[in-house]
Amino acid sequence: MPKMAARPSNILSGEHRHTLDEKNRLIVPLALRARGARELIVVQHPDAYLAVFTPQQFDKFHQSLVEKNMEPEERRRFIFMMNHVARPAAMDAQGRMSLSQIEIEHMGAGREVVFTRGSEVSLFEIWNPVRHGAAVQDQRDRFRQTLVKGGV
């Protein structure tokens, strides 16, 4: 009997809606936390959400991009922008992390946000609920096509 591939750990975690408290803190859903990770890296993604990494994930991701066959000027621009849009963030003992006002404005979020797993590279993403809903709707047809191709 053929061996089944292991299910990636970044799926089947759903979406989680949370509210920023008065200090712009969010409780990170337990299902999305990395075991033992108290330090995170928050990156303002150009598609108006926040990608959140453990330091190890971020270092691996950053290195893989820098090692691509970039011209020196392209590499300099990439590093310049990454320094502009990424910052370290701490998660406290209660599983809370703080967002900066700039990050909240980047997402276009009010007090409500959506946590989700979005890629194989990052730990989780934080979205404005309206933009997240639009992104899900945008991907529905592609998802349906993938399921049909898979025989579902």
C-alpha atoms as a PDB file:
ATOM      1  CA  MET A   1       0.000   0.000   0.000  1.00  0.00           C
ATOM      2  CA  PRO A   2       1.434   3.430  -0.949  1.00  0.00           C
ATOM      3  CA  LYS A   3       2.523   5.653   1.894  1.00  0.00           C
ATOM      4  CA  MET A   4       0.277   8.696   2.352  1.00  0.00           C
ATOM      5  CA  ALA A   5       1.872  12.104   2.430  1.00  0.00           C
ATOM      6  CA  ALA A   6       1.724  13.839   5.787  1.00  0.00           C
ATOM      7  CA  ARG A   7      -0.853  16.589   6.033  1.00  0.00           C
ATOM      8  CA  PRO A   8       0.878  19.980   6.201  1.00  0.00           C
ATOM      9  CA  SER A   9       0.557  21.584   9.636  1.00  0.00           C
ATOM     10  CA  ASN A  10      -0.489  24.882   8.075  1.00  0.00           C
ATOM     11  CA  ILE A  11      -3.957  23.729   6.995  1.00  0.00           C
ATOM     12  CA  LEU A  12      -7.168  22.954   8.850  1.00  0.00           C
ATOM     13  CA  SER A  13      -6.674  25.727  11.369  1.00  0.00           C
ATOM     14  CA  GLY A  14      -9.667  27.800  10.217  1.00  0.00           C
ATOM     15  CA  GLU A  15     -10.063  31.493  10.704  1.00  0.00           C
ATOM     16  CA  HIS A  16     -10.284  33.258  14.017  1.00  0.00           C
ATOM     17  CA  ARG A  17     -11.890  36.642  14.614  1.00  0.00           C
ATOM     18  CA  HIS A  18     -10.538  38.777  17.417  1.00  0.00           C
ATOM     19  CA  THR A  19     -10.830  42.319  18.716  1.00  0.00           C
ATOM     20  CA  LEU A  20      -7.948  44.647  19.519  1.00  0.00           C
ATOM     21  CA  ASP A  21      -8.008  45.794  23.132  1.00  0.00           C
ATOM     22  CA  GLU A  22      -7.470  49.416  24.214  1.00  0.00           C
ATOM     23  CA  LYS A  23      -3.675  48.900  24.049  1.00  0.00           C
ATOM     24  CA  ASN A  24      -3.824  47.502  20.473  1.00  0.00           C
ATOM     25  CA  ARG A  25      -3.146  43.966  21.703  1.00  0.00           C
ATOM     26  CA  LEU A  26      -4.540  40.748  20.272  1.00  0.00           C
ATOM     27  CA  ILE A  27      -4.718  37.297  21.791  1.00  0.00           C
ATOM     28  CA  VAL A  28      -3.077  34.946  19.301  1.00  0.00           C
ATOM     29  CA  PRO A  29      -5.319  31.887  18.875  1.00  0.00           C
ATOM     30  CA  LEU A  30      -3.788  28.816  20.507  1.00  0.00           C
ATOM     31  CA  ALA A  31      -4.139  26.841  17.257  1.00  0.00           C
ATOM     32  CA  LEU A  32      -1.843  29.335  15.502  1.00  0.00           C
ATOM     33  CA  ARG A  33       0.888  29.685  18.112  1.00  0.00           C
ATOM     34  CA  ALA A  34       4.288  28.098  17.602  1.00  0.00           C
ATOM     35  CA  ARG A  35       5.272  25.928  20.538  1.00  0.00           C
ATOM     36  CA  GLY A  36       7.488  27.943  22.872  1.00  0.00           C
ATOM     37  CA  ALA A  37       7.738  30.968  20.565  1.00  0.00           C
ATOM     38  CA  ARG A  38       7.563  34.270  22.395  1.00  0.00           C
ATOM     39  CA  GLU A  39       9.291  36.323  19.715  1.00  0.00           C
ATOM     40  CA  LEU A  40       7.648  36.998  16.381  1.00  0.00           C
ATOM     41  CA  ILE A  41       8.426  39.004  13.249  1.00  0.00           C
ATOM     42  CA  VAL A  42       5.566  41.074  11.785  1.00  0.00           C
ATOM     43  CA  VAL A  43       5.758  42.005   8.094  1.00  0.00           C
ATOM     44  CA  GLN A  44       3.397  44.462   6.395  1.00  0.00           C
ATOM     45  CA  HIS A  45       2.510  42.568   3.221  1.00  0.00           C
ATOM     46  CA  PRO A  46       1.875  44.692   0.083  1.00  0.00           C
ATOM     47  CA  ASP A  47      -1.612  43.097  -0.159  1.00  0.00           C
ATOM     48  CA  ALA A  48      -2.624  44.977   3.028  1.00  0.00           C
ATOM     49  CA  TYR A  49      -2.365  42.228   5.630  1.00  0.00           C
ATOM     50  CA  LEU A  50       0.267  41.303   8.210  1.00  0.00           C
ATOM     51  CA  ALA A  51       2.353  38.154   7.753  1.00  0.00           C
ATOM     52  CA  VAL A  52       3.676  36.889  11.090  1.00  0.00           C
ATOM     53  CA  PHE A  53       6.734  34.623  11.366  1.00  0.00           C
ATOM     54  CA  THR A  54       8.806  33.010  14.067  1.00  0.00           C
ATOM     55  CA  PRO A  55      12.381  34.319  13.873  1.00  0.00           C
ATOM     56  CA  GLN A  56      13.482  30.974  12.408  1.00  0.00           C
ATOM     57  CA  GLN A  57      10.784  31.080   9.702  1.00  0.00           C
ATOM     58  CA  PHE A  58      11.642  34.682   8.889  1.00  0.00           C
ATOM     59  CA  ASP A  59      15.382  34.006   8.659  1.00  0.00           C
ATOM     60  CA  LYS A  60      14.779  31.043   6.331  1.00  0.00           C
ATOM     61  CA  PHE A  61      12.337  33.057   4.184  1.00  0.00           C
ATOM     62  CA  HIS A  62      14.579  36.136   4.074  1.00  0.00           C
ATOM     63  CA  GLN A  63      17.677  34.091   3.217  1.00  0.00           C
ATOM     64  CA  SER A  64      15.874  32.211   0.443  1.00  0.00           C
ATOM     65  CA  LEU A  65      14.870  35.502  -1.160  1.00  0.00           C
ATOM     66  CA  VAL A  66      18.281  37.108  -0.772  1.00  0.00           C
ATOM     67  CA  GLU A  67      19.979  34.018  -2.240  1.00  0.00           C
ATOM     68  CA  LYS A  68      17.871  34.105  -5.389  1.00  0.00           C
ATOM     69  CA  ASN A  69      19.780  35.378  -8.368  1.00  0.00           C
ATOM     70  CA  MET A  70      19.166  39.040  -7.589  1.00  0.00           C
ATOM     71  CA  GLU A  71      21.244  41.771  -9.068  1.00  0.00           C
ATOM     72  CA  PRO A  72      23.026  43.821  -6.375  1.00  0.00           C
ATOM     73  CA  GLU A  73      20.673  46.797  -6.790  1.00  0.00           C
ATOM     74  CA  GLU A  74      17.579  44.583  -6.599  1.00  0.00           C
ATOM     75  CA  ARG A  75      18.967  42.927  -3.454  1.00  0.00           C
ATOM     76  CA  ARG A  76      19.651  46.349  -1.913  1.00  0.00           C
ATOM     77  CA  ARG A  77      16.076  47.502  -2.665  1.00  0.00           C
ATOM     78  CA  PHE A  78      14.640  44.286  -1.230  1.00  0.00           C
ATOM     79  CA  ILE A  79      16.635  44.582   1.997  1.00  0.00           C
ATOM     80  CA  PHE A  80      15.763  48.278   2.251  1.00  0.00           C
ATOM     81  CA  MET A  81      12.037  47.532   1.958  1.00  0.00           C
ATOM     82  CA  MET A  82      12.158  44.545   4.302  1.00  0.00           C
ATOM     83  CA  ASN A  83      13.773  46.766   6.925  1.00  0.00           C
ATOM     84  CA  HIS A  84      10.944  49.249   6.374  1.00  0.00           C
ATOM     85  CA  VAL A  85       8.020  46.797   6.628  1.00  0.00           C
ATOM     86  CA  ALA A  86       9.243  44.205   9.165  1.00  0.00           C
ATOM     87  CA  ARG A  87       9.683  44.449  12.917  1.00  0.00           C
ATOM     88  CA  PRO A  88      10.173  42.147  15.882  1.00  0.00           C
ATOM     89  CA  ALA A  89       7.192  41.674  18.188  1.00  0.00           C
ATOM     90  CA  ALA A  90       6.899  39.908  21.517  1.00  0.00           C
ATOM     91  CA  MET A  91       4.108  37.620  22.635  1.00  0.00           C
ATOM     92  CA  ASP A  92       3.451  37.773  26.376  1.00  0.00           C
ATOM     93  CA  ALA A  93       2.696  34.867  28.726  1.00  0.00           C
ATOM     94  CA  GLN A  94      -1.056  35.258  28.009  1.00  0.00           C
ATOM     95  CA  GLY A  95      -0.452  34.860  24.260  1.00  0.00           C
ATOM     96  CA  ARG A  96      -1.020  38.535  23.455  1.00  0.00           C
ATOM     97  CA  MET A  97       0.885  40.537  20.873  1.00  0.00           C
ATOM     98  CA  SER A  98       0.709  44.266  20.224  1.00  0.00           C
ATOM     99  CA  LEU A  99       0.191  45.877  16.847  1.00  0.00           C
ATOM    100  CA  SER A 100       1.550  49.307  16.029  1.00  0.00           C
ATOM    101  CA  GLN A 101      -0.782  52.024  14.808  1.00  0.00           C
ATOM    102  CA  ILE A 102       1.045  51.904  11.461  1.00  0.00           C
ATOM    103  CA  GLU A 103       0.281  48.173  11.150  1.00  0.00           C
ATOM    104  CA  ILE A 104      -3.382  48.717  11.983  1.00  0.00           C
ATOM    105  CA  GLU A 105      -3.589  51.496   9.371  1.00  0.00           C
ATOM    106  CA  HIS A 106      -1.729  49.304   6.840  1.00  0.00           C
ATOM    107  CA  MET A 107      -4.452  46.649   7.158  1.00  0.00           C
ATOM    108  CA  GLY A 108      -7.201  49.252   7.100  1.00  0.00           C
ATOM    109  CA  ALA A 109      -8.543  47.566  10.211  1.00  0.00           C
ATOM    110  CA  GLY A 110     -10.755  48.951  12.904  1.00  0.00           C
ATOM    111  CA  ARG A 111     -10.817  47.002  16.164  1.00  0.00           C
ATOM    112  CA  GLU A 112     -11.789  43.672  14.524  1.00  0.00           C
ATOM    113  CA  VAL A 113      -9.267  41.409  12.761  1.00  0.00           C
ATOM    114  CA  VAL A 114      -9.122  37.909  11.284  1.00  0.00           C
ATOM    115  CA  PHE A 115      -6.286  35.486  12.018  1.00  0.00           C
ATOM    116  CA  THR A 116      -5.654  32.760   9.462  1.00  0.00           C
ATOM    117  CA  ARG A 117      -2.921  30.537   8.095  1.00  0.00           C
ATOM    118  CA  GLY A 118      -2.185  31.723   4.623  1.00  0.00           C
ATOM    119  CA  SER A 119       1.075  30.277   3.418  1.00  0.00           C
ATOM    120  CA  GLU A 120       3.561  27.518   4.035  1.00  0.00           C
ATOM    121  CA  VAL A 121       6.188  30.123   4.883  1.00  0.00           C
ATOM    122  CA  SER A 122       4.664  32.241   7.662  1.00  0.00           C
ATOM    123  CA  LEU A 123       3.177  31.241  11.014  1.00  0.00           C
ATOM    124  CA  PHE A 124      -0.102  33.114  10.441  1.00  0.00           C
ATOM    125  CA  GLU A 125      -1.633  36.216   8.862  1.00  0.00           C
ATOM    126  CA  ILE A 126      -3.715  39.033  10.331  1.00  0.00           C
ATOM    127  CA  TRP A 127      -6.330  40.652   8.087  1.00  0.00           C
ATOM    128  CA  ASN A 128      -8.980  43.333   8.030  1.00  0.00           C
ATOM    129  CA  PRO A 129     -12.207  41.222   7.990  1.00  0.00           C
ATOM    130  CA  VAL A 130     -13.616  42.923   4.870  1.00  0.00           C
ATOM    131  CA  ARG A 131     -10.388  42.514   2.887  1.00  0.00           C
ATOM    132  CA  HIS A 132     -10.072  38.916   4.066  1.00  0.00           C
ATOM    133  CA  GLY A 133     -13.618  38.183   2.882  1.00  0.00           C
ATOM    134  CA  ALA A 134     -12.823  39.712  -0.514  1.00  0.00           C
ATOM    135  CA  ALA A 135      -9.608  37.659  -0.792  1.00  0.00           C
ATOM    136  CA  VAL A 136     -11.517  34.454   0.023  1.00  0.00           C
ATOM    137  CA  GLN A 137     -14.177  35.307  -2.545  1.00  0.00           C
ATOM    138  CA  ASP A 138     -11.481  36.039  -5.129  1.00  0.00           C
ATOM    139  CA  GLN A 139      -9.959  32.583  -4.603  1.00  0.00           C
ATOM    140  CA  ARG A 140     -13.218  30.568  -4.576  1.00  0.00           C
ATOM    141  CA  ASP A 141     -13.240  29.743  -8.310  1.00  0.00           C
ATOM    142  CA  ARG A 142      -9.587  28.697  -8.310  1.00  0.00           C
ATOM    143  CA  PHE A 143     -10.200  26.550  -5.251  1.00  0.00           C
ATOM    144  CA  ARG A 144     -13.229  24.925  -6.886  1.00  0.00           C
ATOM    145  CA  GLN A 145     -11.156  24.156 -10.000  1.00  0.00           C
ATOM    146  CA  THR A 146      -8.425  22.581  -7.883  1.00  0.00           C
ATOM    147  CA  LEU A 147     -10.974  20.398  -6.081  1.00  0.00           C
ATOM    148  CA  VAL A 148     -12.546  19.315  -9.378  1.00  0.00           C
ATOM    149  CA  LYS A 149      -9.101  18.447 -10.792  1.00  0.00           C
ATOM    150  CA  GLY A 150      -8.521  16.368  -7.673  1.00  0.00           C
ATOM    151  CA  GLY A 151     -11.749  14.449  -8.237  1.00  0.00           C
ATOM    152  CA  VAL A 152     -13.767  16.066  -5.471  1.00  0.00           C
END
